[in-house]
Amino acid sequence: MVDAAYLATKILHVTLASMWVGGGLLNLLVLQPVLLKALPGTRQEVMGRLAPPLFRYNSIVGGLVLASGALLVTLHPNGWDGLTKTPWGRVVLFAIIVTVAVLYLAGTSVRATMKVMAKVVAATKPGEEPPMNLRFLQARLRFTTFLMNGLVLLVLFVMVFANALYAGP
């Protein structure tokens, strides 16, 4: 018989992970390309309004994915002891480490880059060509976002693999 708490936690975890992956891909594949083609004033206005809630969304949902995953490990028959003793556990441990790394990147590199970008944009006069350091910061933000989304997708694939290891085909 399926444990109801485990099943409910797994549904919550998969839902949150889907929201995290979907939000990141929407940002990477839709918002960023559209904003790259926009005029600097439009880009500044849109990012000024979208960046804070998008950052909060990514951080909250990513943290909830990690928390629900930790609860899943606690409720799993292999438990925390199985993280180093079983193939399933080693795959899950890898996914946990990569997830923490993504949240770390979001909290350090992305946050710092966005703060510096806001200062540079505030110092730029209207109609003035954006300074080179702003272009560098934008490229850094795009690269970091691409890296984070790639890592989150890697975790998704790894967790599907872990599920197949434990549950079978």
N, C-alpha and C. Protein backbone atom coordinates (compact mmCIF):
# COMPACT_ATOMS: atom_id res chain seq x y z
N MET A 1 0.84 -1.19 0.00
CA MET A 1 0.00 0.00 0.00
C MET A 1 0.88 1.25 0.00
N VAL A 2 0.45 2.27 -0.69
CA VAL A 2 1.21 3.51 -0.81
C VAL A 2 0.97 4.35 0.43
N ASP A 3 2.06 4.86 0.98
CA ASP A 3 1.97 5.75 2.14
C ASP A 3 1.39 7.09 1.68
N ALA A 4 0.30 7.52 2.30
CA ALA A 4 -0.39 8.75 1.88
C ALA A 4 0.48 9.99 2.05
N ALA A 5 1.21 10.07 3.15
CA ALA A 5 2.07 11.24 3.38
C ALA A 5 3.18 11.32 2.34
N TYR A 6 3.75 10.17 2.00
CA TYR A 6 4.81 10.13 0.99
C TYR A 6 4.25 10.54 -0.37
N LEU A 7 3.08 10.01 -0.72
CA LEU A 7 2.47 10.32 -2.00
C LEU A 7 2.12 11.81 -2.09
N ALA A 8 1.53 12.37 -1.04
CA ALA A 8 1.18 13.79 -1.04
C ALA A 8 2.43 14.67 -1.15
N THR A 9 3.48 14.29 -0.44
CA THR A 9 4.73 15.05 -0.50
C THR A 9 5.35 14.95 -1.88
N LYS A 10 5.28 13.77 -2.48
CA LYS A 10 5.85 13.59 -3.82
C LYS A 10 5.08 14.42 -4.85
N ILE A 11 3.76 14.45 -4.74
CA ILE A 11 2.95 15.27 -5.65
C ILE A 11 3.30 16.74 -5.48
N LEU A 12 3.42 17.19 -4.23
CA LEU A 12 3.80 18.58 -3.96
C LEU A 12 5.19 18.87 -4.53
N HIS A 13 6.13 17.98 -4.30
CA HIS A 13 7.51 18.16 -4.77
C HIS A 13 7.56 18.24 -6.30
N VAL A 14 6.88 17.35 -6.98
CA VAL A 14 6.89 17.35 -8.45
C VAL A 14 6.20 18.61 -8.98
N THR A 15 5.12 19.03 -8.33
CA THR A 15 4.43 20.26 -8.75
C THR A 15 5.34 21.46 -8.60
N LEU A 16 5.99 21.58 -7.44
CA LEU A 16 6.91 22.70 -7.21
C LEU A 16 8.10 22.66 -8.17
N ALA A 17 8.64 21.47 -8.42
CA ALA A 17 9.76 21.35 -9.35
C ALA A 17 9.33 21.77 -10.75
N SER A 18 8.12 21.40 -11.15
CA SER A 18 7.60 21.81 -12.46
C SER A 18 7.46 23.32 -12.54
N MET A 19 7.00 23.93 -11.45
CA MET A 19 6.87 25.39 -11.42
C MET A 19 8.24 26.05 -11.52
N TRP A 20 9.25 25.47 -10.87
CA TRP A 20 10.60 26.03 -10.88
C TRP A 20 11.21 25.93 -12.28
N VAL A 21 11.11 24.75 -12.87
CA VAL A 21 11.64 24.54 -14.22
C VAL A 21 10.89 25.42 -15.22
N GLY A 22 9.57 25.42 -15.12
CA GLY A 22 8.76 26.21 -16.05
C GLY A 22 9.02 27.70 -15.95
N GLY A 23 9.13 28.21 -14.73
CA GLY A 23 9.42 29.63 -14.55
C GLY A 23 10.79 30.01 -15.09
N GLY A 24 11.75 29.16 -14.85
CA GLY A 24 13.10 29.42 -15.35
C GLY A 24 13.16 29.39 -16.87
N LEU A 25 12.49 28.42 -17.47
CA LEU A 25 12.50 28.33 -18.93
C LEU A 25 11.70 29.47 -19.57
N LEU A 26 10.62 29.89 -18.94
CA LEU A 26 9.88 31.04 -19.45
C LEU A 26 10.78 32.27 -19.47
N ASN A 27 11.52 32.47 -18.39
CA ASN A 27 12.45 33.60 -18.32
C ASN A 27 13.53 33.48 -19.38
N LEU A 28 14.12 32.31 -19.50
CA LEU A 28 15.25 32.11 -20.40
C LEU A 28 14.85 32.13 -21.88
N LEU A 29 13.73 31.50 -22.21
CA LEU A 29 13.37 31.31 -23.61
C LEU A 29 12.40 32.35 -24.16
N VAL A 30 11.70 33.07 -23.26
CA VAL A 30 10.72 34.05 -23.74
C VAL A 30 11.09 35.46 -23.30
N LEU A 31 11.18 35.69 -21.99
CA LEU A 31 11.39 37.05 -21.50
C LEU A 31 12.73 37.65 -21.91
N GLN A 32 13.81 36.92 -21.67
CA GLN A 32 15.12 37.48 -21.99
C GLN A 32 15.31 37.77 -23.48
N PRO A 33 14.93 36.86 -24.40
CA PRO A 33 15.08 37.20 -25.82
C PRO A 33 14.24 38.41 -26.24
N VAL A 34 13.03 38.53 -25.71
CA VAL A 34 12.18 39.67 -26.06
C VAL A 34 12.81 40.96 -25.52
N LEU A 35 13.30 40.92 -24.29
CA LEU A 35 13.89 42.13 -23.70
C LEU A 35 15.20 42.52 -24.38
N LEU A 36 15.93 41.56 -24.92
CA LEU A 36 17.16 41.89 -25.64
C LEU A 36 16.87 42.72 -26.88
N LYS A 37 15.70 42.52 -27.46
CA LYS A 37 15.33 43.25 -28.68
C LYS A 37 14.64 44.58 -28.37
N ALA A 38 14.30 44.80 -27.10
CA ALA A 38 13.58 46.02 -26.73
C ALA A 38 14.54 47.21 -26.62
N LEU A 39 13.97 48.39 -26.71
CA LEU A 39 14.76 49.61 -26.50
C LEU A 39 15.21 49.69 -25.06
N PRO A 40 16.36 50.35 -24.80
CA PRO A 40 16.88 50.40 -23.43
C PRO A 40 15.87 50.93 -22.40
N GLY A 41 15.10 51.95 -22.74
CA GLY A 41 14.13 52.49 -21.79
C GLY A 41 13.04 51.48 -21.47
N THR A 42 12.58 50.78 -22.50
CA THR A 42 11.55 49.75 -22.30
C THR A 42 12.11 48.61 -21.46
N ARG A 43 13.32 48.17 -21.79
CA ARG A 43 13.97 47.10 -21.05
C ARG A 43 14.11 47.47 -19.59
N GLN A 44 14.53 48.71 -19.33
CA GLN A 44 14.71 49.18 -17.95
C GLN A 44 13.37 49.17 -17.20
N GLU A 45 12.33 49.66 -17.85
CA GLU A 45 11.01 49.72 -17.22
C GLU A 45 10.48 48.31 -16.90
N VAL A 46 10.56 47.43 -17.90
CA VAL A 46 10.04 46.07 -17.72
C VAL A 46 10.84 45.32 -16.66
N MET A 47 12.16 45.40 -16.75
CA MET A 47 12.98 44.68 -15.77
C MET A 47 12.84 45.27 -14.37
N GLY A 48 12.65 46.57 -14.29
CA GLY A 48 12.43 47.19 -12.99
C GLY A 48 11.19 46.66 -12.30
N ARG A 49 10.19 46.33 -13.11
CA ARG A 49 8.95 45.81 -12.55
C ARG A 49 8.96 44.28 -12.39
N LEU A 50 9.59 43.58 -13.32
CA LEU A 50 9.55 42.12 -13.31
C LEU A 50 10.64 41.46 -12.46
N ALA A 51 11.81 42.06 -12.41
CA ALA A 51 12.94 41.39 -11.76
C ALA A 51 12.68 41.05 -10.29
N PRO A 52 12.21 41.98 -9.46
CA PRO A 52 12.00 41.62 -8.05
C PRO A 52 11.01 40.46 -7.85
N PRO A 53 9.82 40.48 -8.49
CA PRO A 53 8.92 39.34 -8.25
C PRO A 53 9.44 38.03 -8.86
N LEU A 54 10.12 38.11 -10.01
CA LEU A 54 10.69 36.90 -10.60
C LEU A 54 11.77 36.31 -9.70
N PHE A 55 12.59 37.18 -9.13
CA PHE A 55 13.65 36.71 -8.23
C PHE A 55 13.04 36.06 -6.99
N ARG A 56 12.01 36.71 -6.42
CA ARG A 56 11.33 36.14 -5.25
C ARG A 56 10.70 34.80 -5.59
N TYR A 57 10.02 34.74 -6.74
CA TYR A 57 9.38 33.49 -7.18
C TYR A 57 10.42 32.37 -7.27
N ASN A 58 11.52 32.64 -7.95
CA ASN A 58 12.56 31.63 -8.15
C ASN A 58 13.13 31.17 -6.81
N SER A 59 13.39 32.10 -5.92
CA SER A 59 13.96 31.76 -4.62
C SER A 59 12.99 30.96 -3.75
N ILE A 60 11.74 31.41 -3.70
CA ILE A 60 10.74 30.74 -2.86
C ILE A 60 10.44 29.34 -3.40
N VAL A 61 10.17 29.25 -4.69
CA VAL A 61 9.83 27.94 -5.26
C VAL A 61 11.03 27.00 -5.19
N GLY A 62 12.23 27.50 -5.48
CA GLY A 62 13.43 26.66 -5.37
C GLY A 62 13.65 26.18 -3.95
N GLY A 63 13.45 27.05 -2.97
CA GLY A 63 13.58 26.65 -1.57
C GLY A 63 12.54 25.62 -1.17
N LEU A 64 11.31 25.79 -1.66
CA LEU A 64 10.26 24.82 -1.36
C LEU A 64 10.52 23.47 -2.03
N VAL A 65 11.11 23.50 -3.21
CA VAL A 65 11.50 22.25 -3.87
C VAL A 65 12.53 21.52 -3.00
N LEU A 66 13.51 22.25 -2.52
CA LEU A 66 14.54 21.65 -1.66
C LEU A 66 13.92 21.11 -0.36
N ALA A 67 13.03 21.90 0.26
CA ALA A 67 12.40 21.48 1.52
C ALA A 67 11.50 20.25 1.31
N SER A 68 10.70 20.26 0.25
CA SER A 68 9.83 19.11 0.00
C SER A 68 10.66 17.88 -0.37
N GLY A 69 11.78 18.10 -1.05
CA GLY A 69 12.68 16.98 -1.36
C GLY A 69 13.30 16.40 -0.10
N ALA A 70 13.66 17.27 0.84
CA ALA A 70 14.21 16.78 2.11
C ALA A 70 13.15 15.97 2.87
N LEU A 71 11.91 16.43 2.83
CA LEU A 71 10.83 15.68 3.47
C LEU A 71 10.62 14.34 2.76
N LEU A 72 10.73 14.33 1.44
CA LEU A 72 10.61 13.08 0.70
C LEU A 72 11.69 12.08 1.10
N VAL A 73 12.92 12.56 1.25
CA VAL A 73 14.01 11.66 1.67
C VAL A 73 13.71 11.12 3.06
N THR A 74 13.20 11.97 3.94
CA THR A 74 12.86 11.54 5.30
C THR A 74 11.78 10.45 5.28
N LEU A 75 10.79 10.59 4.41
CA LEU A 75 9.69 9.63 4.35
C LEU A 75 10.01 8.41 3.50
N HIS A 76 11.06 8.47 2.69
CA HIS A 76 11.42 7.38 1.78
C HIS A 76 11.93 6.17 2.58
N PRO A 77 11.63 4.94 2.11
CA PRO A 77 12.10 3.75 2.82
C PRO A 77 13.62 3.70 3.00
N ASN A 78 14.39 4.21 2.05
CA ASN A 78 15.86 4.22 2.19
C ASN A 78 16.31 5.30 3.15
N GLY A 79 15.55 6.37 3.27
CA GLY A 79 15.84 7.45 4.22
C GLY A 79 17.18 8.13 3.99
N TRP A 80 17.58 8.90 5.00
CA TRP A 80 18.83 9.64 4.92
C TRP A 80 20.04 8.72 4.94
N ASP A 81 19.93 7.58 5.60
CA ASP A 81 21.05 6.63 5.64
C ASP A 81 21.35 6.07 4.25
N GLY A 82 20.33 5.98 3.41
CA GLY A 82 20.50 5.41 2.08
C GLY A 82 21.15 6.35 1.08
N LEU A 83 21.41 7.61 1.48
CA LEU A 83 21.99 8.56 0.53
C LEU A 83 23.40 8.18 0.10
N THR A 84 24.13 7.50 0.95
CA THR A 84 25.49 7.11 0.59
C THR A 84 25.63 5.61 0.35
N LYS A 85 24.58 4.86 0.69
CA LYS A 85 24.69 3.40 0.63
C LYS A 85 24.02 2.76 -0.58
N THR A 86 23.15 3.50 -1.25
CA THR A 86 22.41 2.91 -2.37
C THR A 86 22.60 3.75 -3.63
N PRO A 87 22.44 3.13 -4.79
CA PRO A 87 22.52 3.92 -6.04
C PRO A 87 21.46 5.03 -6.05
N TRP A 88 20.25 4.71 -5.59
CA TRP A 88 19.20 5.73 -5.49
C TRP A 88 19.68 6.91 -4.65
N GLY A 89 20.25 6.62 -3.50
CA GLY A 89 20.69 7.66 -2.58
C GLY A 89 21.80 8.53 -3.16
N ARG A 90 22.74 7.92 -3.85
CA ARG A 90 23.83 8.71 -4.44
C ARG A 90 23.30 9.66 -5.53
N VAL A 91 22.33 9.19 -6.29
CA VAL A 91 21.73 10.05 -7.31
C VAL A 91 20.96 11.20 -6.64
N VAL A 92 20.22 10.90 -5.59
CA VAL A 92 19.47 11.93 -4.86
C VAL A 92 20.43 12.91 -4.19
N LEU A 93 21.52 12.41 -3.62
CA LEU A 93 22.51 13.28 -3.00
C LEU A 93 23.11 14.25 -4.03
N PHE A 94 23.41 13.74 -5.21
CA PHE A 94 23.89 14.60 -6.29
C PHE A 94 22.87 15.70 -6.60
N ALA A 95 21.60 15.33 -6.70
CA ALA A 95 20.54 16.29 -7.00
C ALA A 95 20.42 17.33 -5.89
N ILE A 96 20.56 16.93 -4.65
CA ILE A 96 20.50 17.88 -3.53
C ILE A 96 21.64 18.88 -3.63
N ILE A 97 22.83 18.40 -3.88
CA ILE A 97 24.01 19.28 -3.97
C ILE A 97 23.85 20.27 -5.13
N VAL A 98 23.39 19.81 -6.27
CA VAL A 98 23.21 20.70 -7.42
C VAL A 98 22.11 21.72 -7.13
N THR A 99 21.04 21.31 -6.49
CA THR A 99 19.96 22.24 -6.14
C THR A 99 20.46 23.32 -5.19
N VAL A 100 21.23 22.96 -4.21
CA VAL A 100 21.81 23.95 -3.29
C VAL A 100 22.73 24.89 -4.06
N ALA A 101 23.48 24.36 -5.01
CA ALA A 101 24.37 25.21 -5.82
C ALA A 101 23.57 26.21 -6.65
N VAL A 102 22.45 25.79 -7.21
CA VAL A 102 21.61 26.70 -8.00
C VAL A 102 21.04 27.80 -7.10
N LEU A 103 20.55 27.43 -5.93
CA LEU A 103 20.03 28.44 -5.01
C LEU A 103 21.14 29.39 -4.54
N TYR A 104 22.35 28.86 -4.38
CA TYR A 104 23.48 29.70 -4.02
C TYR A 104 23.80 30.70 -5.13
N LEU A 105 23.82 30.23 -6.37
CA LEU A 105 24.05 31.13 -7.52
C LEU A 105 23.00 32.23 -7.57
N ALA A 106 21.75 31.85 -7.34
CA ALA A 106 20.66 32.84 -7.37
C ALA A 106 20.85 33.87 -6.26
N GLY A 107 21.24 33.42 -5.10
CA GLY A 107 21.38 34.33 -3.96
C GLY A 107 22.64 35.16 -3.98
N THR A 108 23.64 34.73 -4.72
CA THR A 108 24.90 35.48 -4.74
C THR A 108 25.11 36.18 -6.08
N SER A 109 25.39 35.43 -7.10
CA SER A 109 25.74 36.02 -8.39
C SER A 109 24.60 36.81 -9.01
N VAL A 110 23.42 36.23 -9.07
CA VAL A 110 22.30 36.92 -9.71
C VAL A 110 21.90 38.15 -8.92
N ARG A 111 21.78 38.01 -7.62
CA ARG A 111 21.37 39.15 -6.79
C ARG A 111 22.40 40.29 -6.89
N ALA A 112 23.68 39.96 -6.79
CA ALA A 112 24.72 40.99 -6.86
C ALA A 112 24.74 41.66 -8.24
N THR A 113 24.60 40.86 -9.29
CA THR A 113 24.60 41.41 -10.65
C THR A 113 23.42 42.35 -10.84
N MET A 114 22.25 41.96 -10.36
CA MET A 114 21.07 42.81 -10.51
C MET A 114 21.22 44.13 -9.73
N LYS A 115 21.83 44.07 -8.56
CA LYS A 115 22.03 45.30 -7.78
C LYS A 115 22.98 46.26 -8.50
N VAL A 116 24.07 45.73 -9.02
CA VAL A 116 25.03 46.57 -9.73
C VAL A 116 24.41 47.12 -11.02
N MET A 117 23.63 46.29 -11.72
CA MET A 117 22.97 46.75 -12.94
C MET A 117 22.02 47.91 -12.63
N ALA A 118 21.30 47.81 -11.52
CA ALA A 118 20.37 48.89 -11.14
C ALA A 118 21.13 50.19 -10.89
N LYS A 119 22.30 50.10 -10.25
CA LYS A 119 23.11 51.31 -10.00
C LYS A 119 23.63 51.91 -11.30
N VAL A 120 24.09 51.06 -12.20
CA VAL A 120 24.63 51.54 -13.49
C VAL A 120 23.52 52.20 -14.30
N VAL A 121 22.35 51.57 -14.34
CA VAL A 121 21.23 52.13 -15.09
C VAL A 121 20.79 53.46 -14.48
N ALA A 122 20.77 53.55 -13.16
CA ALA A 122 20.37 54.80 -12.50
C ALA A 122 21.35 55.93 -12.81
N ALA A 123 22.62 55.59 -13.01
CA ALA A 123 23.64 56.61 -13.29
C ALA A 123 23.68 57.00 -14.78
N THR A 124 23.02 56.22 -15.63
CA THR A 124 23.02 56.50 -17.06
C THR A 124 21.94 57.53 -17.38
N LYS A 125 22.31 58.54 -18.13
CA LYS A 125 21.36 59.58 -18.52
C LYS A 125 20.44 59.07 -19.62
N PRO A 126 19.18 59.55 -19.66
CA PRO A 126 18.26 59.11 -20.71
C PRO A 126 18.81 59.44 -22.11
N GLY A 127 18.66 58.49 -23.03
CA GLY A 127 19.12 58.68 -24.40
C GLY A 127 20.61 58.40 -24.58
N GLU A 128 21.33 58.19 -23.50
CA GLU A 128 22.76 57.92 -23.56
C GLU A 128 22.98 56.44 -23.89
N GLU A 129 24.03 56.15 -24.63
CA GLU A 129 24.39 54.77 -24.96
C GLU A 129 24.74 54.04 -23.67
N PRO A 130 24.22 52.82 -23.49
CA PRO A 130 24.54 52.08 -22.27
C PRO A 130 26.05 51.84 -22.16
N PRO A 131 26.61 52.00 -20.97
CA PRO A 131 28.04 51.77 -20.81
C PRO A 131 28.40 50.30 -21.01
N MET A 132 29.67 50.07 -21.33
CA MET A 132 30.14 48.70 -21.59
C MET A 132 29.95 47.79 -20.39
N ASN A 133 30.13 48.34 -19.18
CA ASN A 133 29.99 47.47 -18.01
C ASN A 133 28.54 46.97 -17.87
N LEU A 134 27.56 47.75 -18.35
CA LEU A 134 26.18 47.29 -18.32
C LEU A 134 25.98 46.11 -19.27
N ARG A 135 26.59 46.21 -20.44
CA ARG A 135 26.50 45.09 -21.40
C ARG A 135 27.16 43.84 -20.83
N PHE A 136 28.29 44.03 -20.16
CA PHE A 136 28.96 42.90 -19.52
C PHE A 136 28.07 42.29 -18.44
N LEU A 137 27.46 43.13 -17.63
CA LEU A 137 26.59 42.65 -16.55
C LEU A 137 25.37 41.92 -17.12
N GLN A 138 24.83 42.42 -18.22
CA GLN A 138 23.70 41.75 -18.87
C GLN A 138 24.13 40.37 -19.39
N ALA A 139 25.30 40.31 -19.99
CA ALA A 139 25.81 39.03 -20.49
C ALA A 139 26.07 38.06 -19.33
N ARG A 140 26.60 38.59 -18.24
CA ARG A 140 26.85 37.76 -17.05
C ARG A 140 25.53 37.21 -16.50
N LEU A 141 24.52 38.06 -16.46
CA LEU A 141 23.22 37.63 -15.96
C LEU A 141 22.61 36.57 -16.88
N ARG A 142 22.70 36.77 -18.20
CA ARG A 142 22.20 35.77 -19.14
C ARG A 142 22.93 34.44 -18.98
N PHE A 143 24.27 34.51 -18.86
CA PHE A 143 25.05 33.28 -18.71
C PHE A 143 24.68 32.55 -17.42
N THR A 144 24.59 33.30 -16.32
CA THR A 144 24.26 32.68 -15.03
C THR A 144 22.86 32.09 -15.06
N THR A 145 21.92 32.78 -15.68
CA THR A 145 20.56 32.27 -15.81
C THR A 145 20.54 31.00 -16.65
N PHE A 146 21.29 31.01 -17.74
CA PHE A 146 21.39 29.82 -18.58
C PHE A 146 21.99 28.66 -17.79
N LEU A 147 23.05 28.92 -17.06
CA LEU A 147 23.70 27.89 -16.24
C LEU A 147 22.74 27.34 -15.19
N MET A 148 22.04 28.23 -14.50
CA MET A 148 21.11 27.79 -13.46
C MET A 148 19.99 26.93 -14.06
N ASN A 149 19.44 27.36 -15.19
CA ASN A 149 18.38 26.58 -15.82
C ASN A 149 18.89 25.23 -16.30
N GLY A 150 20.10 25.20 -16.82
CA GLY A 150 20.70 23.93 -17.23
C GLY A 150 20.87 22.99 -16.05
N LEU A 151 21.31 23.53 -14.93
CA LEU A 151 21.50 22.71 -13.73
C LEU A 151 20.15 22.21 -13.19
N VAL A 152 19.14 23.06 -13.22
CA VAL A 152 17.82 22.64 -12.75
C VAL A 152 17.26 21.53 -13.66
N LEU A 153 17.45 21.67 -14.97
CA LEU A 153 17.02 20.60 -15.88
C LEU A 153 17.81 19.31 -15.63
N LEU A 154 19.10 19.45 -15.36
CA LEU A 154 19.92 18.28 -15.02
C LEU A 154 19.35 17.58 -13.79
N VAL A 155 19.00 18.37 -12.77
CA VAL A 155 18.41 17.78 -11.55
C VAL A 155 17.10 17.07 -11.89
N LEU A 156 16.30 17.68 -12.74
CA LEU A 156 15.04 17.04 -13.13
C LEU A 156 15.31 15.68 -13.77
N PHE A 157 16.24 15.62 -14.71
CA PHE A 157 16.55 14.35 -15.37
C PHE A 157 17.14 13.34 -14.39
N VAL A 158 17.99 13.81 -13.50
CA VAL A 158 18.61 12.94 -12.51
C VAL A 158 17.55 12.37 -11.56
N MET A 159 16.58 13.19 -11.19
CA MET A 159 15.55 12.70 -10.28
C MET A 159 14.62 11.70 -10.96
N VAL A 160 14.36 11.89 -12.23
CA VAL A 160 13.58 10.88 -12.98
C VAL A 160 14.36 9.57 -12.99
N PHE A 161 15.67 9.65 -13.19
CA PHE A 161 16.53 8.47 -13.16
C PHE A 161 16.50 7.81 -11.78
N ALA A 162 16.57 8.62 -10.72
CA ALA A 162 16.52 8.07 -9.35
C ALA A 162 15.19 7.38 -9.10
N ASN A 163 14.12 7.96 -9.59
CA ASN A 163 12.80 7.34 -9.43
C ASN A 163 12.75 6.01 -10.16
N ALA A 164 13.35 5.95 -11.35
CA ALA A 164 13.39 4.69 -12.10
C ALA A 164 14.26 3.65 -11.38
N LEU A 165 15.34 4.09 -10.75
CA LEU A 165 16.19 3.16 -9.99
C LEU A 165 15.42 2.51 -8.84
N TYR A 166 14.61 3.33 -8.17
CA TYR A 166 13.91 2.81 -7.00
C TYR A 166 12.64 2.06 -7.38
N ALA A 167 11.86 2.64 -8.29
CA ALA A 167 10.55 2.08 -8.61
C ALA A 167 10.60 1.09 -9.77
N GLY A 168 11.65 1.17 -10.56
CA GLY A 168 11.73 0.30 -11.73
C GLY A 168 11.02 0.92 -12.92
N PRO A 169 11.14 0.29 -14.08
CA PRO A 169 10.54 0.86 -15.29
C PRO A 169 9.02 0.84 -15.28
